[in-house]
Amino acid sequence: MAGRPHAITGHTCLAAVIGHPVQHSLSPRIHNAAFAAAGLDWTYVAFEVDPANGAAAVDAMRTLGIGGLSVTMPHKAAAAMAADERTPTVERLGVANCLFWRNGRIVADSTDGDGFVAAFEHGTGQDLAGRSIGVIGAGGAARSIIEALGRNRVADIVVVNRSETTLADAVALAVQARAGTADDLATLDIIVNTTPVGMAGGSEAGRCPIDADLISASHSVVDIVYNPLETPLLAAAAERGATVQGGVPMLVHQAALAFRRWTDREPPIETMMAAVADQLG
């Protein structure tokens, strides 16, 4: 199938992403490349779904026999509630980004946190066990990452955030997690930015989420923002000799976990990475 258009037939299985807005999503490119590389008669599309209709989209998965759904904002909570079953991770987080079939029932899962762990360990060759990690932000992405880190034997998770309310909720997701300040980041092994600071086109584009002088060559620094590929945080970290990783690996590895849930096949990671690289240049 690689190198030529995929012929859609009555046997083709459909997967999709739902969101609002969703036209910017890279998921169709990532998953269609993966399906082609794996020789699977699947295709993947994006559905714009009104914010009030997230649960109805899950019902459509049942009605139409859709093989799998990716879920993005603002439907993650509604999708979690509308599924027949929820994984333990979804029960803790209250949101889902992946729906798959198991024994005729729709299961809600969250692959973001485990995607971060897989991306970091695969991309850097470092084991997270026993490490100290600073997480900047306490929103949905941060919560998923903190919850996954808590299951992966990290020694210490320090969460730095401006809002005390969301900070408390995030810290509660892992026994190793505690609230901290930006100054604490200088003493940790790994720094992870989960905020949109530095994102192209955003209100804080071109900015670094922390004082760059907190970073040293002993750090590993991850920014889950993937546009631009090199954010101001990553540029500052690289200048100081730190190990750096951008947002593309997490994007791909969370999608790879969804691919595995849907198809029971091993995902072609390198093909999926190349699909994103071709799009982002």
Protein backbone atom coordinates (compact mmCIF):
# COMPACT_ATOMS: atom_id res chain seq x y z
CA MET A 1 0.00 0.00 0.00
CA ALA A 2 2.94 2.34 0.58
CA GLY A 3 3.59 4.79 -2.25
CA ARG A 4 0.12 4.69 -3.79
CA PRO A 5 -3.33 5.91 -2.75
CA HIS A 6 -5.31 3.64 -0.45
CA ALA A 7 -8.42 2.38 -2.22
CA ILE A 8 -11.44 2.84 0.07
CA THR A 9 -13.94 0.00 -0.18
CA GLY A 10 -16.92 -1.32 1.75
CA HIS A 11 -14.48 -3.34 3.87
CA THR A 12 -12.36 -0.37 4.95
CA CYS A 13 -12.35 0.29 8.69
CA LEU A 14 -12.74 3.90 9.76
CA ALA A 15 -10.96 5.68 12.61
CA ALA A 16 -11.25 9.38 13.37
CA VAL A 17 -10.43 12.29 15.61
CA ILE A 18 -13.18 14.46 17.08
CA GLY A 19 -12.62 17.99 18.31
CA HIS A 20 -13.56 21.67 18.00
CA PRO A 21 -11.64 23.01 16.21
CA VAL A 22 -9.97 20.00 14.59
CA GLN A 23 -8.85 21.04 11.10
CA HIS A 24 -5.31 21.69 12.36
CA SER A 25 -4.90 18.14 13.71
CA LEU A 26 -1.89 16.13 12.57
CA SER A 27 -3.59 12.88 13.58
CA PRO A 28 -4.94 12.02 10.09
CA ARG A 29 -1.45 12.32 8.60
CA ILE A 30 0.13 10.28 11.41
CA HIS A 31 -2.41 7.46 11.45
CA ASN A 32 -2.90 7.13 7.70
CA ALA A 33 0.85 6.81 7.30
CA ALA A 34 0.85 4.13 10.00
CA PHE A 35 -2.05 2.19 8.45
CA ALA A 36 -0.35 2.26 5.05
CA ALA A 37 2.98 1.10 6.45
CA ALA A 38 1.27 -1.74 8.32
CA GLY A 39 -0.71 -2.79 5.23
CA LEU A 40 -4.03 -2.31 7.02
CA ASP A 41 -7.31 -1.55 5.26
CA TRP A 42 -8.04 1.35 7.59
CA THR A 43 -8.46 5.05 6.97
CA TYR A 44 -8.52 8.01 9.36
CA VAL A 45 -10.41 11.30 9.12
CA ALA A 46 -11.15 14.36 11.26
CA PHE A 47 -14.68 15.22 12.40
CA GLU A 48 -15.56 18.70 13.59
CA VAL A 49 -17.96 18.11 16.50
CA ASP A 50 -19.84 20.88 18.29
CA PRO A 51 -18.85 21.25 21.96
CA ALA A 52 -22.29 20.06 23.08
CA ASN A 53 -22.17 16.85 21.03
CA GLY A 54 -19.21 14.90 22.39
CA ALA A 55 -21.36 12.11 23.86
CA ALA A 56 -23.35 11.91 20.62
CA ALA A 57 -20.10 11.33 18.72
CA VAL A 58 -19.39 8.33 20.96
CA ASP A 59 -22.88 7.03 20.16
CA ALA A 60 -22.03 7.45 16.46
CA MET A 61 -19.01 5.21 17.02
CA ARG A 62 -21.46 2.48 18.03
CA THR A 63 -23.99 3.21 15.29
CA LEU A 64 -21.49 3.41 12.44
CA GLY A 65 -19.04 0.77 13.66
CA ILE A 66 -16.13 3.19 13.79
CA GLY A 67 -13.01 1.21 14.69
CA GLY A 68 -11.41 3.80 16.97
CA LEU A 69 -11.63 7.44 18.01
CA SER A 70 -9.04 9.97 19.04
CA VAL A 71 -10.52 12.70 21.22
CA THR A 72 -9.27 16.23 21.58
CA MET A 73 -10.66 19.37 23.22
CA PRO A 74 -13.35 20.05 24.24
CA HIS A 75 -14.68 16.48 24.24
CA LYS A 76 -12.28 14.57 26.52
CA ALA A 77 -14.51 14.59 29.61
CA ALA A 78 -17.71 13.84 27.67
CA ALA A 79 -16.06 10.95 25.84
CA ALA A 80 -14.84 9.46 29.11
CA MET A 81 -18.34 9.52 30.56
CA ALA A 82 -20.07 8.23 27.40
CA ALA A 83 -17.86 5.14 27.04
CA ASP A 84 -18.98 1.76 28.35
CA GLU A 85 -15.79 1.27 30.36
CA ARG A 86 -12.91 3.43 31.55
CA THR A 87 -9.31 2.43 32.20
CA PRO A 88 -7.93 3.13 35.69
CA THR A 89 -6.02 6.09 34.27
CA VAL A 90 -9.23 7.63 32.90
CA GLU A 91 -10.97 7.02 36.21
CA ARG A 92 -8.24 9.06 37.91
CA LEU A 93 -8.04 11.83 35.32
CA GLY A 94 -11.72 12.12 34.38
CA VAL A 95 -10.84 12.57 30.70
CA ALA A 96 -10.03 10.37 27.71
CA ASN A 97 -8.23 10.94 24.43
CA CYS A 98 -8.64 7.45 22.94
CA LEU A 99 -11.67 5.17 22.52
CA PHE A 100 -11.29 1.55 21.47
CA TRP A 101 -13.36 -1.64 21.30
CA ARG A 102 -12.95 -4.53 23.73
CA ASN A 103 -15.40 -7.45 23.80
CA GLY A 104 -18.05 -5.42 22.04
CA ARG A 105 -17.79 -2.49 24.46
CA ILE A 106 -16.24 0.95 24.02
CA VAL A 107 -13.34 1.57 26.40
CA ALA A 108 -12.07 5.07 27.20
CA ASP A 109 -8.32 5.43 27.68
CA SER A 110 -5.79 8.24 28.04
CA THR A 111 -2.53 7.75 26.14
CA ASP A 112 -0.95 11.18 26.69
CA GLY A 113 0.94 10.39 29.88
CA ASP A 114 2.20 6.99 28.78
CA GLY A 115 3.04 8.55 25.42
CA PHE A 116 5.24 11.07 27.21
CA VAL A 117 7.02 8.32 29.16
CA ALA A 118 7.59 6.21 26.03
CA ALA A 119 8.77 9.21 24.03
CA PHE A 120 11.26 10.30 26.67
CA GLU A 121 12.74 6.88 27.30
CA HIS A 122 12.82 5.94 23.61
CA GLY A 123 14.19 9.29 22.45
CA THR A 124 16.79 9.96 25.15
CA GLY A 125 17.71 6.41 26.14
CA GLN A 126 17.19 7.40 29.78
CA ASP A 127 15.17 5.46 32.35
CA LEU A 128 12.76 7.61 34.36
CA ALA A 129 12.90 5.34 37.41
CA GLY A 130 14.48 7.07 40.37
CA ARG A 131 14.72 10.45 38.63
CA SER A 132 13.52 13.85 39.87
CA ILE A 133 11.25 15.73 37.49
CA GLY A 134 9.92 19.27 37.39
CA VAL A 135 6.61 19.79 35.58
CA ILE A 136 5.76 23.33 34.50
CA GLY A 137 1.98 23.74 34.35
CA ALA A 138 -0.97 21.91 35.85
CA GLY A 139 -3.48 21.69 32.99
CA GLY A 140 -4.76 18.63 31.18
CA ALA A 141 -1.46 17.64 29.59
CA ALA A 142 0.41 18.12 32.85
CA ARG A 143 -2.12 16.04 34.76
CA SER A 144 -1.77 13.16 32.30
CA ILE A 145 2.01 13.28 32.53
CA ILE A 146 2.05 13.51 36.33
CA GLU A 147 -0.32 10.55 36.64
CA ALA A 148 1.87 8.44 34.33
CA LEU A 149 5.08 9.47 36.08
CA GLY A 150 3.55 8.40 39.36
CA ARG A 151 3.16 4.88 37.96
CA ASN A 152 6.71 4.76 36.65
CA ARG A 153 8.75 4.77 39.84
CA VAL A 154 10.10 8.31 39.58
CA ALA A 155 11.58 9.56 42.82
CA ASP A 156 10.23 13.13 42.93
CA ILE A 157 7.78 15.23 40.92
CA VAL A 158 7.78 18.97 41.53
CA VAL A 159 4.86 20.85 39.96
CA VAL A 160 5.24 24.56 39.24
CA ASN A 161 2.09 26.48 38.34
CA ARG A 162 0.54 29.92 38.77
CA SER A 163 -2.94 28.72 39.81
CA GLU A 164 -3.15 27.21 43.30
CA THR A 165 -6.44 25.40 42.51
CA THR A 166 -5.22 23.46 39.49
CA LEU A 167 -1.87 22.94 41.20
CA ALA A 168 -3.50 21.10 44.10
CA ASP A 169 -5.50 18.88 41.72
CA ALA A 170 -2.38 17.98 39.74
CA VAL A 171 -0.26 17.19 42.79
CA ALA A 172 -2.96 14.82 44.06
CA LEU A 173 -2.43 12.51 41.05
CA ALA A 174 0.87 10.99 42.24
CA VAL A 175 2.20 10.21 45.68
CA GLN A 176 5.64 11.48 44.60
CA ALA A 177 4.24 14.86 43.51
CA ARG A 178 4.52 18.11 45.46
CA ALA A 179 4.06 21.78 44.78
CA GLY A 180 7.18 23.81 44.18
CA THR A 181 8.58 27.00 42.72
CA ALA A 182 10.58 27.72 39.59
CA ASP A 183 13.76 27.90 41.68
CA ASP A 184 13.33 24.21 42.57
CA LEU A 185 13.82 23.28 38.92
CA ALA A 186 17.54 24.01 39.09
CA THR A 187 18.07 21.06 41.46
CA LEU A 188 16.11 18.42 39.48
CA ASP A 189 17.15 15.96 36.78
CA ILE A 190 14.44 16.66 34.20
CA ILE A 191 12.36 19.76 33.35
CA VAL A 192 9.12 19.40 31.37
CA ASN A 193 7.11 22.31 30.00
CA THR A 194 3.42 21.47 29.53
CA THR A 195 2.19 25.04 29.05
CA PRO A 196 1.58 26.80 25.70
CA VAL A 197 4.28 29.37 26.45
CA GLY A 198 6.49 29.56 23.38
CA MET A 199 3.92 28.06 20.99
CA ALA A 200 3.86 29.58 17.52
CA GLY A 201 0.83 31.79 17.01
CA GLY A 202 -0.02 31.86 20.70
CA SER A 203 -0.25 34.87 22.98
CA GLU A 204 3.13 33.98 24.51
CA ALA A 205 4.98 32.97 21.35
CA GLY A 206 8.71 33.62 21.52
CA ARG A 207 8.78 33.47 25.32
CA CYS A 208 10.50 31.01 27.64
CA PRO A 209 8.32 29.64 30.47
CA ILE A 210 11.14 29.87 33.05
CA ASP A 211 14.31 31.84 33.66
CA ALA A 212 16.82 30.16 31.35
CA ASP A 213 19.55 30.57 33.97
CA LEU A 214 17.86 27.80 35.98
CA ILE A 215 18.97 25.32 33.29
CA SER A 216 22.36 23.63 33.27
CA ALA A 217 24.15 20.97 31.26
CA SER A 218 23.08 18.35 33.80
CA HIS A 219 19.41 18.75 32.89
CA SER A 220 17.22 16.96 30.40
CA VAL A 221 14.63 19.44 29.13
CA VAL A 222 11.38 18.51 27.35
CA ASP A 223 8.89 20.91 25.80
CA ILE A 224 5.67 19.23 24.69
CA VAL A 225 4.98 22.14 22.33
CA TYR A 226 5.77 20.92 18.79
CA ASN A 227 5.26 24.11 16.79
CA PRO A 228 7.87 25.50 16.49
CA LEU A 229 10.06 22.41 16.55
CA GLU A 230 12.63 24.37 18.57
CA THR A 231 10.88 26.47 21.19
CA PRO A 232 12.59 29.26 23.12
CA LEU A 233 12.92 26.87 26.09
CA LEU A 234 14.65 24.21 23.98
CA ALA A 235 16.93 26.76 22.36
CA ALA A 236 17.99 28.09 25.76
CA ALA A 237 18.51 24.57 27.11
CA ALA A 238 20.62 23.54 24.12
CA GLU A 239 22.81 26.63 24.53
CA ARG A 240 23.52 25.50 28.09
CA GLY A 241 24.42 21.97 27.06
CA ALA A 242 21.27 20.25 28.32
CA THR A 243 19.74 17.20 26.64
CA VAL A 244 16.60 18.40 24.83
CA GLN A 245 13.46 16.86 23.36
CA GLY A 246 10.60 18.62 21.59
CA GLY A 247 6.92 17.79 21.45
CA VAL A 248 6.82 15.61 18.33
CA PRO A 249 7.94 12.37 20.06
CA MET A 250 5.13 12.60 22.65
CA LEU A 251 2.61 13.41 19.91
CA VAL A 252 3.69 10.33 17.96
CA HIS A 253 4.00 7.94 20.89
CA GLN A 254 0.55 8.75 22.27
CA ALA A 255 -0.82 8.12 18.77
CA ALA A 256 1.16 4.88 18.59
CA LEU A 257 -0.51 3.63 21.77
CA ALA A 258 -3.92 4.37 20.22
CA PHE A 259 -2.87 2.51 17.05
CA ARG A 260 -2.00 -0.52 19.18
CA ARG A 261 -5.33 -0.34 21.06
CA TRP A 262 -7.31 -0.25 17.81
CA THR A 263 -5.44 -2.77 15.69
CA ASP A 264 -3.56 -5.08 18.09
CA ARG A 265 -0.52 -4.44 15.88
CA GLU A 266 2.83 -2.91 16.73
CA PRO A 267 2.87 0.71 15.55
CA PRO A 268 5.46 1.77 12.92
CA ILE A 269 6.98 4.52 15.04
CA GLU A 270 9.57 5.73 12.55
CA THR A 271 6.98 6.04 9.80
CA MET A 272 4.72 8.06 12.10
CA MET A 273 7.62 10.33 13.08
CA ALA A 274 8.48 10.89 9.44
CA ALA A 275 4.87 11.82 8.66
CA VAL A 276 5.00 14.62 11.22
CA ALA A 277 8.42 15.77 10.08
CA ASP A 278 7.16 16.04 6.49
CA GLN A 279 4.26 18.20 7.66
CA LEU A 280 6.15 20.49 10.02
CA GLY A 281 9.28 20.73 7.90
